[in-house]
Amino acid sequence: MKLELEIDDHDYASLHDCLYNLTEKDFSREELDLVIEKLPTHIKGEIFSWGLADTCVRDQIYVWYRDNVMKEQQCLKAK
C-alpha cells in the first residue's frame, strides 16, 4: 500500500523558505517535489507525521540538502 502525502501551499512555502535560506535560490513547485522525492525514508516519515512546517522536519531537510545535494553539486562543478 502506498501512502500519499498531500502538500498544501503552506507546506510548499515552508519547504521553499528552508531551502532558500540555504541556497538563496528560488525553487519551483516541481523542483520542491523532486527534493521531497529524493529525501531519505526517515525524513519522509517525519514529514508524514509532523508536516513540512515543523521546525525539526525543516532542520532535517536543511542538513540533508546541505550535506548531500549541495556537496554533490560542488563535486560535479569541480570535475
PDB file of N, CA and C in Angstrom:
ATOM      1  N   MET A   1       0.843  -1.169   0.000  1.00  0.00           N
ATOM      2  CA  MET A   1       0.000   0.000   0.000  1.00  0.00           C
ATOM      3  C   MET A   1       0.895   1.241   0.000  1.00  0.00           C
ATOM      4  N   LYS A   2       0.588   2.172  -0.875  1.00  0.00           N
ATOM      5  CA  LYS A   2       1.344   3.413  -0.970  1.00  0.00           C
ATOM      6  C   LYS A   2       0.554   4.525  -0.306  1.00  0.00           C
ATOM      7  N   LEU A   3       1.168   5.212   0.641  1.00  0.00           N
ATOM      8  CA  LEU A   3       0.509   6.329   1.310  1.00  0.00           C
ATOM      9  C   LEU A   3       0.862   7.626   0.597  1.00  0.00           C
ATOM     10  N   GLU A   4      -0.127   8.394   0.312  1.00  0.00           N
ATOM     11  CA  GLU A   4       0.079   9.671  -0.363  1.00  0.00           C
ATOM     12  C   GLU A   4       0.053  10.797   0.662  1.00  0.00           C
ATOM     13  N   LEU A   5       0.945  11.728   0.495  1.00  0.00           N
ATOM     14  CA  LEU A   5       1.013  12.894   1.358  1.00  0.00           C
ATOM     15  C   LEU A   5       0.533  14.099   0.557  1.00  0.00           C
ATOM     16  N   GLU A   6      -0.493  14.759   1.059  1.00  0.00           N
ATOM     17  CA  GLU A   6      -0.984  15.961   0.387  1.00  0.00           C
ATOM     18  C   GLU A   6      -0.192  17.151   0.881  1.00  0.00           C
ATOM     19  N   ILE A   7       0.362  17.892  -0.052  1.00  0.00           N
ATOM     20  CA  ILE A   7       1.172  19.057   0.282  1.00  0.00           C
ATOM     21  C   ILE A   7       0.390  20.295  -0.131  1.00  0.00           C
ATOM     22  N   ASP A   8       0.144  21.169   0.839  1.00  0.00           N
ATOM     23  CA  ASP A   8      -0.626  22.376   0.540  1.00  0.00           C
ATOM     24  C   ASP A   8       0.321  23.566   0.346  1.00  0.00           C
ATOM     25  N   ASP A   9      -0.266  24.720   0.056  1.00  0.00           N
ATOM     26  CA  ASP A   9       0.527  25.923  -0.207  1.00  0.00           C
ATOM     27  C   ASP A   9       1.431  26.281   0.969  1.00  0.00           C
ATOM     28  N   HIS A  10       0.934  26.116   2.179  1.00  0.00           N
ATOM     29  CA  HIS A  10       1.718  26.431   3.374  1.00  0.00           C
ATOM     30  C   HIS A  10       2.937  25.512   3.483  1.00  0.00           C
ATOM     31  N   ASP A  11       2.755  24.230   3.164  1.00  0.00           N
ATOM     32  CA  ASP A  11       3.866  23.281   3.188  1.00  0.00           C
ATOM     33  C   ASP A  11       4.925  23.643   2.150  1.00  0.00           C
ATOM     34  N   TYR A  12       4.470  23.954   0.941  1.00  0.00           N
ATOM     35  CA  TYR A  12       5.417  24.350  -0.105  1.00  0.00           C
ATOM     36  C   TYR A  12       6.183  25.607   0.313  1.00  0.00           C
ATOM     37  N   ALA A  13       5.487  26.561   0.894  1.00  0.00           N
ATOM     38  CA  ALA A  13       6.139  27.802   1.333  1.00  0.00           C
ATOM     39  C   ALA A  13       7.174  27.516   2.420  1.00  0.00           C
ATOM     40  N   SER A  14       6.855  26.627   3.345  1.00  0.00           N
ATOM     41  CA  SER A  14       7.794  26.270   4.413  1.00  0.00           C
ATOM     42  C   SER A  14       9.040  25.614   3.851  1.00  0.00           C
ATOM     43  N   LEU A  15       8.848  24.664   2.937  1.00  0.00           N
ATOM     44  CA  LEU A  15       9.994  23.990   2.327  1.00  0.00           C
ATOM     45  C   LEU A  15      10.809  24.966   1.491  1.00  0.00           C
ATOM     46  N   HIS A  16      10.124  25.805   0.731  1.00  0.00           N
ATOM     47  CA  HIS A  16      10.824  26.791  -0.087  1.00  0.00           C
ATOM     48  C   HIS A  16      11.685  27.696   0.790  1.00  0.00           C
ATOM     49  N   ASP A  17      11.128  28.202   1.880  1.00  0.00           N
ATOM     50  CA  ASP A  17      11.884  29.095   2.769  1.00  0.00           C
ATOM     51  C   ASP A  17      13.083  28.391   3.373  1.00  0.00           C
ATOM     52  N   CYS A  18      12.913  27.145   3.750  1.00  0.00           N
ATOM     53  CA  CYS A  18      14.001  26.356   4.313  1.00  0.00           C
ATOM     54  C   CYS A  18      15.161  26.253   3.317  1.00  0.00           C
ATOM     55  N   LEU A  19      14.842  25.894   2.086  1.00  0.00           N
ATOM     56  CA  LEU A  19      15.887  25.726   1.075  1.00  0.00           C
ATOM     57  C   LEU A  19      16.435  27.066   0.594  1.00  0.00           C
ATOM     58  N   TYR A  20      15.582  28.082   0.548  1.00  0.00           N
ATOM     59  CA  TYR A  20      16.056  29.401   0.133  1.00  0.00           C
ATOM     60  C   TYR A  20      17.071  29.949   1.136  1.00  0.00           C
ATOM     61  N   ASN A  21      16.832  29.721   2.427  1.00  0.00           N
ATOM     62  CA  ASN A  21      17.782  30.178   3.441  1.00  0.00           C
ATOM     63  C   ASN A  21      19.152  29.542   3.253  1.00  0.00           C
ATOM     64  N   LEU A  22      19.187  28.374   2.699  1.00  0.00           N
ATOM     65  CA  LEU A  22      20.437  27.658   2.471  1.00  0.00           C
ATOM     66  C   LEU A  22      21.088  28.032   1.149  1.00  0.00           C
ATOM     67  N   THR A  23      20.286  28.180   0.111  1.00  0.00           N
ATOM     68  CA  THR A  23      20.833  28.309  -1.245  1.00  0.00           C
ATOM     69  C   THR A  23      20.670  29.689  -1.871  1.00  0.00           C
ATOM     70  N   GLU A  24      19.748  30.491  -1.346  1.00  0.00           N
ATOM     71  CA  GLU A  24      19.361  31.777  -1.939  1.00  0.00           C
ATOM     72  C   GLU A  24      18.875  31.606  -3.375  1.00  0.00           C
ATOM     73  N   LYS A  25      18.247  30.460  -3.640  1.00  0.00           N
ATOM     74  CA  LYS A  25      17.693  30.131  -4.955  1.00  0.00           C
ATOM     75  C   LYS A  25      16.188  29.972  -4.803  1.00  0.00           C
ATOM     76  N   ASP A  26      15.447  30.500  -5.767  1.00  0.00           N
ATOM     77  CA  ASP A  26      14.004  30.271  -5.795  1.00  0.00           C
ATOM     78  C   ASP A  26      13.735  28.907  -6.412  1.00  0.00           C
ATOM     79  N   PHE A  27      12.914  28.123  -5.748  1.00  0.00           N
ATOM     80  CA  PHE A  27      12.564  26.786  -6.209  1.00  0.00           C
ATOM     81  C   PHE A  27      11.128  26.789  -6.716  1.00  0.00           C
ATOM     82  N   SER A  28      10.907  26.148  -7.859  1.00  0.00           N
ATOM     83  CA  SER A  28       9.538  25.956  -8.352  1.00  0.00           C
ATOM     84  C   SER A  28       8.912  24.795  -7.581  1.00  0.00           C
ATOM     85  N   ARG A  29       7.623  24.659  -7.708  1.00  0.00           N
ATOM     86  CA  ARG A  29       6.944  23.526  -7.055  1.00  0.00           C
ATOM     87  C   ARG A  29       7.466  22.199  -7.581  1.00  0.00           C
ATOM     88  N   GLU A  30       7.750  22.148  -8.865  1.00  0.00           N
ATOM     89  CA  GLU A  30       8.279  20.918  -9.452  1.00  0.00           C
ATOM     90  C   GLU A  30       9.630  20.574  -8.837  1.00  0.00           C
ATOM     91  N   GLU A  31      10.479  21.583  -8.637  1.00  0.00           N
ATOM     92  CA  GLU A  31      11.774  21.347  -8.006  1.00  0.00           C
ATOM     93  C   GLU A  31      11.611  20.911  -6.554  1.00  0.00           C
ATOM     94  N   LEU A  32      10.662  21.517  -5.855  1.00  0.00           N
ATOM     95  CA  LEU A  32      10.402  21.121  -4.470  1.00  0.00           C
ATOM     96  C   LEU A  32       9.891  19.678  -4.406  1.00  0.00           C
ATOM     97  N   ASP A  33       9.046  19.296  -5.362  1.00  0.00           N
ATOM     98  CA  ASP A  33       8.569  17.916  -5.421  1.00  0.00           C
ATOM     99  C   ASP A  33       9.735  16.945  -5.627  1.00  0.00           C
ATOM    100  N   LEU A  34      10.699  17.330  -6.456  1.00  0.00           N
ATOM    101  CA  LEU A  34      11.872  16.484  -6.681  1.00  0.00           C
ATOM    102  C   LEU A  34      12.711  16.352  -5.417  1.00  0.00           C
ATOM    103  N   VAL A  35      12.837  17.444  -4.678  1.00  0.00           N
ATOM    104  CA  VAL A  35      13.573  17.386  -3.409  1.00  0.00           C
ATOM    105  C   VAL A  35      12.881  16.414  -2.468  1.00  0.00           C
ATOM    106  N   ILE A  36      11.577  16.532  -2.341  1.00  0.00           N
ATOM    107  CA  ILE A  36      10.822  15.642  -1.454  1.00  0.00           C
ATOM    108  C   ILE A  36      11.000  14.189  -1.886  1.00  0.00           C
ATOM    109  N   GLU A  37      10.961  13.960  -3.184  1.00  0.00           N
ATOM    110  CA  GLU A  37      11.113  12.612  -3.723  1.00  0.00           C
ATOM    111  C   GLU A  37      12.469  11.999  -3.349  1.00  0.00           C
ATOM    112  N   LYS A  38      13.511  12.822  -3.332  1.00  0.00           N
ATOM    113  CA  LYS A  38      14.868  12.344  -3.057  1.00  0.00           C
ATOM    114  C   LYS A  38      15.171  12.171  -1.566  1.00  0.00           C
ATOM    115  N   LEU A  39      14.318  12.708  -0.713  1.00  0.00           N
ATOM    116  CA  LEU A  39      14.586  12.635   0.721  1.00  0.00           C
ATOM    117  C   LEU A  39      14.666  11.189   1.201  1.00  0.00           C
ATOM    118  N   PRO A  40      15.525  10.943   2.199  1.00  0.00           N
ATOM    119  CA  PRO A  40      15.562   9.598   2.774  1.00  0.00           C
ATOM    120  C   PRO A  40      14.240   9.249   3.462  1.00  0.00           C
ATOM    121  N   THR A  41      14.002   7.978   3.580  1.00  0.00           N
ATOM    122  CA  THR A  41      12.750   7.467   4.121  1.00  0.00           C
ATOM    123  C   THR A  41      12.440   8.009   5.507  1.00  0.00           C
ATOM    124  N   HIS A  42      13.440   8.110   6.362  1.00  0.00           N
ATOM    125  CA  HIS A  42      13.159   8.563   7.731  1.00  0.00           C
ATOM    126  C   HIS A  42      12.679  10.017   7.762  1.00  0.00           C
ATOM    127  N   ILE A  43      13.176  10.851   6.853  1.00  0.00           N
ATOM    128  CA  ILE A  43      12.698  12.240   6.800  1.00  0.00           C
ATOM    129  C   ILE A  43      11.293  12.285   6.206  1.00  0.00           C
ATOM    130  N   LYS A  44      11.031  11.471   5.213  1.00  0.00           N
ATOM    131  CA  LYS A  44       9.669  11.404   4.659  1.00  0.00           C
ATOM    132  C   LYS A  44       8.682  10.987   5.742  1.00  0.00           C
ATOM    133  N   GLY A  45       9.095  10.068   6.603  1.00  0.00           N
ATOM    134  CA  GLY A  45       8.241   9.650   7.710  1.00  0.00           C
ATOM    135  C   GLY A  45       7.954  10.794   8.662  1.00  0.00           C
ATOM    136  N   GLU A  46       8.966  11.603   8.924  1.00  0.00           N
ATOM    137  CA  GLU A  46       8.787  12.777   9.777  1.00  0.00           C
ATOM    138  C   GLU A  46       7.821  13.773   9.122  1.00  0.00           C
ATOM    139  N   ILE A  47       7.940  13.947   7.815  1.00  0.00           N
ATOM    140  CA  ILE A  47       7.019  14.836   7.094  1.00  0.00           C
ATOM    141  C   ILE A  47       5.599  14.314   7.232  1.00  0.00           C
ATOM    142  N   PHE A  48       5.439  13.008   7.068  1.00  0.00           N
ATOM    143  CA  PHE A  48       4.106  12.414   7.163  1.00  0.00           C
ATOM    144  C   PHE A  48       3.527  12.593   8.567  1.00  0.00           C
ATOM    145  N   SER A  49       4.392  12.455   9.581  1.00  0.00           N
ATOM    146  CA  SER A  49       3.933  12.564  10.969  1.00  0.00           C
ATOM    147  C   SER A  49       3.687  13.995  11.400  1.00  0.00           C
ATOM    148  N   TRP A  50       4.607  14.879  11.040  1.00  0.00           N
ATOM    149  CA  TRP A  50       4.590  16.230  11.607  1.00  0.00           C
ATOM    150  C   TRP A  50       4.307  17.339  10.595  1.00  0.00           C
ATOM    151  N   GLY A  51       4.526  17.077   9.305  1.00  0.00           N
ATOM    152  CA  GLY A  51       4.301  18.093   8.284  1.00  0.00           C
ATOM    153  C   GLY A  51       5.566  18.870   7.964  1.00  0.00           C
ATOM    154  N   LEU A  52       5.539  19.534   6.837  1.00  0.00           N
ATOM    155  CA  LEU A  52       6.702  20.303   6.374  1.00  0.00           C
ATOM    156  C   LEU A  52       6.899  21.605   7.131  1.00  0.00           C
ATOM    157  N   ALA A  53       5.892  22.055   7.836  1.00  0.00           N
ATOM    158  CA  ALA A  53       6.027  23.314   8.579  1.00  0.00           C
ATOM    159  C   ALA A  53       6.694  23.115   9.936  1.00  0.00           C
ATOM    160  N   ASP A  54       6.889  21.865  10.341  1.00  0.00           N
ATOM    161  CA  ASP A  54       7.503  21.581  11.634  1.00  0.00           C
ATOM    162  C   ASP A  54       8.991  21.968  11.611  1.00  0.00           C
ATOM    163  N   THR A  55       9.431  22.668  12.641  1.00  0.00           N
ATOM    164  CA  THR A  55      10.806  23.153  12.701  1.00  0.00           C
ATOM    165  C   THR A  55      11.816  22.013  12.640  1.00  0.00           C
ATOM    166  N   CYS A  56      11.592  20.955  13.382  1.00  0.00           N
ATOM    167  CA  CYS A  56      12.535  19.830  13.389  1.00  0.00           C
ATOM    168  C   CYS A  56      12.621  19.160  12.017  1.00  0.00           C
ATOM    169  N   VAL A  57      11.503  19.062  11.335  1.00  0.00           N
ATOM    170  CA  VAL A  57      11.484  18.479   9.992  1.00  0.00           C
ATOM    171  C   VAL A  57      12.268  19.368   9.040  1.00  0.00           C
ATOM    172  N   ARG A  58      12.018  20.656   9.086  1.00  0.00           N
ATOM    173  CA  ARG A  58      12.752  21.585   8.209  1.00  0.00           C
ATOM    174  C   ARG A  58      14.247  21.546   8.510  1.00  0.00           C
ATOM    175  N   ASP A  59      14.616  21.446   9.776  1.00  0.00           N
ATOM    176  CA  ASP A  59      16.036  21.351  10.139  1.00  0.00           C
ATOM    177  C   ASP A  59      16.670  20.107   9.536  1.00  0.00           C
ATOM    178  N   GLN A  60      15.955  18.982   9.585  1.00  0.00           N
ATOM    179  CA  GLN A  60      16.483  17.745   8.995  1.00  0.00           C
ATOM    180  C   GLN A  60      16.651  17.880   7.483  1.00  0.00           C
ATOM    181  N   ILE A  61      15.687  18.509   6.835  1.00  0.00           N
ATOM    182  CA  ILE A  61      15.769  18.706   5.386  1.00  0.00           C
ATOM    183  C   ILE A  61      16.937  19.631   5.055  1.00  0.00           C
ATOM    184  N   TYR A  62      17.097  20.693   5.824  1.00  0.00           N
ATOM    185  CA  TYR A  62      18.185  21.651   5.619  1.00  0.00           C
ATOM    186  C   TYR A  62      19.534  20.932   5.675  1.00  0.00           C
ATOM    187  N   VAL A  63      19.747  20.151   6.726  1.00  0.00           N
ATOM    188  CA  VAL A  63      21.021  19.447   6.914  1.00  0.00           C
ATOM    189  C   VAL A  63      21.220  18.407   5.809  1.00  0.00           C
ATOM    190  N   TRP A  64      20.178  17.659   5.485  1.00  0.00           N
ATOM    191  CA  TRP A  64      20.289  16.651   4.428  1.00  0.00           C
ATOM    192  C   TRP A  64      20.630  17.309   3.094  1.00  0.00           C
ATOM    193  N   TYR A  65      19.934  18.386   2.754  1.00  0.00           N
ATOM    194  CA  TYR A  65      20.172  19.054   1.474  1.00  0.00           C
ATOM    195  C   TYR A  65      21.595  19.604   1.433  1.00  0.00           C
ATOM    196  N   ARG A  66      22.041  20.245   2.505  1.00  0.00           N
ATOM    197  CA  ARG A  66      23.389  20.803   2.581  1.00  0.00           C
ATOM    198  C   ARG A  66      24.446  19.702   2.449  1.00  0.00           C
ATOM    199  N   ASP A  67      24.260  18.631   3.180  1.00  0.00           N
ATOM    200  CA  ASP A  67      25.288  17.586   3.243  1.00  0.00           C
ATOM    201  C   ASP A  67      25.273  16.634   2.059  1.00  0.00           C
ATOM    202  N   ASN A  68      24.183  16.583   1.328  1.00  0.00           N
ATOM    203  CA  ASN A  68      24.089  15.636   0.220  1.00  0.00           C
ATOM    204  C   ASN A  68      23.981  16.324  -1.133  1.00  0.00           C
ATOM    205  N   VAL A  69      22.942  17.066  -1.335  1.00  0.00           N
ATOM    206  CA  VAL A  69      22.692  17.665  -2.648  1.00  0.00           C
ATOM    207  C   VAL A  69      23.729  18.732  -2.967  1.00  0.00           C
ATOM    208  N   MET A  70      24.000  19.622  -2.029  1.00  0.00           N
ATOM    209  CA  MET A  70      24.936  20.708  -2.312  1.00  0.00           C
ATOM    210  C   MET A  70      26.364  20.180  -2.468  1.00  0.00           C
ATOM    211  N   LYS A  71      26.760  19.203  -1.669  1.00  0.00           N
ATOM    212  CA  LYS A  71      28.099  18.616  -1.821  1.00  0.00           C
ATOM    213  C   LYS A  71      28.226  17.903  -3.151  1.00  0.00           C
ATOM    214  N   GLU A  72      27.162  17.217  -3.569  1.00  0.00           N
ATOM    215  CA  GLU A  72      27.164  16.529  -4.862  1.00  0.00           C
ATOM    216  C   GLU A  72      27.308  17.539  -5.997  1.00  0.00           C
ATOM    217  N   GLN A  73      26.599  18.656  -5.894  1.00  0.00           N
ATOM    218  CA  GLN A  73      26.682  19.692  -6.919  1.00  0.00           C
ATOM    219  C   GLN A  73      28.078  20.303  -6.964  1.00  0.00           C
ATOM    220  N   GLN A  74      28.698  20.479  -5.808  1.00  0.00           N
ATOM    221  CA  GLN A  74      30.062  21.021  -5.760  1.00  0.00           C
ATOM    222  C   GLN A  74      31.044  20.055  -6.390  1.00  0.00           C
ATOM    223  N   CYS A  75      30.862  18.776  -6.166  1.00  0.00           N
ATOM    224  CA  CYS A  75      31.746  17.765  -6.765  1.00  0.00           C
ATOM    225  C   CYS A  75      31.603  17.767  -8.283  1.00  0.00           C
ATOM    226  N   LEU A  76      30.391  17.901  -8.772  1.00  0.00           N
ATOM    227  CA  LEU A  76      30.170  17.928 -10.217  1.00  0.00           C
ATOM    228  C   LEU A  76      30.803  19.169 -10.855  1.00  0.00           C
ATOM    229  N   LYS A  77      30.741  20.300 -10.159  1.00  0.00           N
ATOM    230  CA  LYS A  77      31.349  21.526 -10.683  1.00  0.00           C
ATOM    231  C   LYS A  77      32.864  21.427 -10.722  1.00  0.00           C
ATOM    232  N   ALA A  78      33.430  20.690  -9.772  1.00  0.00           N
ATOM    233  CA  ALA A  78      34.889  20.578  -9.675  1.00  0.00           C
ATOM    234  C   ALA A  78      35.469  19.707 -10.785  1.00  0.00           C
ATOM    235  N   LYS A  79      34.630  18.855 -11.384  1.00  0.00           N
ATOM    236  CA  LYS A  79      35.126  17.940 -12.436  1.00  0.00           C
ATOM    237  C   LYS A  79      35.367  18.639 -13.718  1.00  0.00           C
TER     238      LYS A  79
END
